[in-house]
Amino acid sequence: MINIVPIVIEGINVTGVEVKLPKTTLLTINTPKGYIMCGAHNM
């Protein structure tokens, strides 16, 4: 399942993306300048 959520951080609109996988969950926060990601290796 994939969830996409709009978030406001200090007045800036960003996008949160959550991808649920069988053994883990991947998260990203996407901003106008780049992104922050929590990922998994060797899934």
C-alpha atoms as a PDB file:
ATOM      1  CA  MET A   1       0.000   0.000   0.000  1.00  0.00           C
ATOM      2  CA  ILE A   2       1.186   3.523  -0.781  1.00  0.00           C
ATOM      3  CA  ASN A   3       0.082   6.593   1.209  1.00  0.00           C
ATOM      4  CA  ILE A   4       0.787  10.133  -0.009  1.00  0.00           C
ATOM      5  CA  VAL A   5       0.207  12.884   2.561  1.00  0.00           C
ATOM      6  CA  PRO A   6       0.608  16.666   2.180  1.00  0.00           C
ATOM      7  CA  ILE A   7       2.535  18.161   5.125  1.00  0.00           C
ATOM      8  CA  VAL A   8       3.285  21.778   6.071  1.00  0.00           C
ATOM      9  CA  ILE A   9       6.643  22.294   7.820  1.00  0.00           C
ATOM     10  CA  GLU A  10       7.444  25.868   8.892  1.00  0.00           C
ATOM     11  CA  GLY A  11       5.080  27.224   6.249  1.00  0.00           C
ATOM     12  CA  ILE A  12       6.534  25.113   3.411  1.00  0.00           C
ATOM     13  CA  ASN A  13       4.374  22.522   1.658  1.00  0.00           C
ATOM     14  CA  VAL A  14       6.076  19.140   1.404  1.00  0.00           C
ATOM     15  CA  THR A  15       4.869  15.654   0.502  1.00  0.00           C
ATOM     16  CA  GLY A  16       5.184  12.578   2.687  1.00  0.00           C
ATOM     17  CA  VAL A  17       5.202   9.190   0.960  1.00  0.00           C
ATOM     18  CA  GLU A  18       4.857   5.878   2.814  1.00  0.00           C
ATOM     19  CA  VAL A  19       5.271   2.552   0.998  1.00  0.00           C
ATOM     20  CA  LYS A  20       4.370  -0.514   3.053  1.00  0.00           C
ATOM     21  CA  LEU A  21       6.232  -3.651   2.008  1.00  0.00           C
ATOM     22  CA  PRO A  22       6.021  -7.178   3.476  1.00  0.00           C
ATOM     23  CA  LYS A  23       9.086  -6.835   5.722  1.00  0.00           C
ATOM     24  CA  THR A  24       9.592  -3.071   6.041  1.00  0.00           C
ATOM     25  CA  THR A  25       8.160   0.385   5.402  1.00  0.00           C
ATOM     26  CA  LEU A  26       9.830   2.975   3.168  1.00  0.00           C
ATOM     27  CA  LEU A  27       9.338   6.669   3.998  1.00  0.00           C
ATOM     28  CA  THR A  28      10.222   9.849   2.102  1.00  0.00           C
ATOM     29  CA  ILE A  29       9.652  13.540   2.710  1.00  0.00           C
ATOM     30  CA  ASN A  30       9.819  15.393  -0.627  1.00  0.00           C
ATOM     31  CA  THR A  31      10.531  19.144  -0.613  1.00  0.00           C
ATOM     32  CA  PRO A  32      11.045  21.709  -3.384  1.00  0.00           C
ATOM     33  CA  LYS A  33      14.837  21.405  -2.886  1.00  0.00           C
ATOM     34  CA  GLY A  34      15.193  17.638  -2.452  1.00  0.00           C
ATOM     35  CA  TYR A  35      14.114  14.744  -0.265  1.00  0.00           C
ATOM     36  CA  ILE A  36      14.822  12.811   2.933  1.00  0.00           C
ATOM     37  CA  MET A  37      14.419   9.054   2.713  1.00  0.00           C
ATOM     38  CA  CYS A  38      14.376   6.099   5.079  1.00  0.00           C
ATOM     39  CA  GLY A  39      14.986   3.008   2.971  1.00  0.00           C
ATOM     40  CA  ALA A  40      16.010  -0.619   3.190  1.00  0.00           C
ATOM     41  CA  HIS A  41      18.731  -2.571   1.441  1.00  0.00           C
ATOM     42  CA  ASN A  42      18.650  -6.247   0.486  1.00  0.00           C
ATOM     43  CA  MET A  43      14.891  -6.572   0.644  1.00  0.00           C
END
